[in-house]
Amino acid sequence: MAKLPPLYPDAPNRPSTSVYRQQYGVIVICQSEAQQQKAYNHLKQFDYSLKLVRT
């Protein structure tokens, strides 16, 4: 993965420390809203942090 160049020391709104946190995820493609709801409810039982998306 390409790294971004560092911000200038006097850049506006520059955070005092790095706020980046590496994350990993899985995408499940569902065929319907009902299937998405079933998958969401099933995975929620395992205390996963979930985000719903509709495109």
Protein backbone atom coordinates (compact mmCIF):
# COMPACT_ATOMS: atom_id res chain seq x y z
CA MET A 1 0.00 0.00 0.00
CA ALA A 2 1.40 3.40 -0.98
CA LYS A 3 2.16 5.79 1.85
CA LEU A 4 0.97 9.37 1.72
CA PRO A 5 3.57 12.10 2.10
CA PRO A 6 3.78 13.62 5.57
CA LEU A 7 1.83 16.79 6.34
CA TYR A 8 3.73 20.03 6.68
CA PRO A 9 4.42 20.87 10.35
CA ASP A 10 2.23 24.00 10.09
CA ALA A 11 -0.61 22.33 8.12
CA PRO A 12 -4.07 23.47 9.31
CA ASN A 13 -5.98 20.99 11.51
CA ARG A 14 -2.97 18.68 11.69
CA PRO A 15 -3.54 16.13 14.49
CA SER A 16 -0.91 16.09 17.23
CA THR A 17 -0.55 12.31 16.90
CA SER A 18 -1.38 9.69 14.30
CA VAL A 19 -5.08 8.78 14.39
CA TYR A 20 -4.80 5.97 11.82
CA ARG A 21 -5.82 2.53 13.10
CA GLN A 22 -5.50 -0.51 10.89
CA GLN A 23 -8.77 -2.41 10.39
CA TYR A 24 -9.80 -5.63 8.68
CA GLY A 25 -13.21 -6.45 7.24
CA VAL A 26 -15.38 -8.86 5.32
CA ILE A 27 -17.98 -7.89 2.73
CA VAL A 28 -21.04 -10.12 2.29
CA ILE A 29 -23.02 -9.59 -0.92
CA CYS A 30 -26.74 -10.27 -0.35
CA GLN A 31 -29.41 -10.82 -2.98
CA SER A 32 -32.17 -8.95 -1.12
CA GLU A 33 -32.88 -6.69 1.82
CA ALA A 34 -34.40 -9.66 3.66
CA GLN A 35 -31.21 -11.68 3.18
CA GLN A 36 -29.15 -8.71 4.38
CA GLN A 37 -31.28 -8.44 7.51
CA LYS A 38 -30.92 -12.18 8.19
CA ALA A 39 -27.12 -12.03 7.74
CA TYR A 40 -26.89 -8.91 9.93
CA ASN A 41 -28.93 -10.47 12.74
CA HIS A 42 -26.90 -13.67 12.57
CA LEU A 43 -23.52 -11.89 12.72
CA LYS A 44 -24.70 -9.49 15.44
CA GLN A 45 -25.10 -12.50 17.77
CA PHE A 46 -21.29 -12.85 17.69
CA ASP A 47 -20.80 -9.22 18.81
CA TYR A 48 -19.19 -8.10 15.54
CA SER A 49 -19.02 -4.39 14.75
CA LEU A 50 -21.25 -4.18 11.67
CA LYS A 51 -22.03 -1.53 9.06
CA LEU A 52 -24.96 -1.82 6.67
CA VAL A 53 -24.54 -0.67 3.06
CA ARG A 54 -27.02 -0.39 0.22
CA THR A 55 -25.85 0.45 -3.29
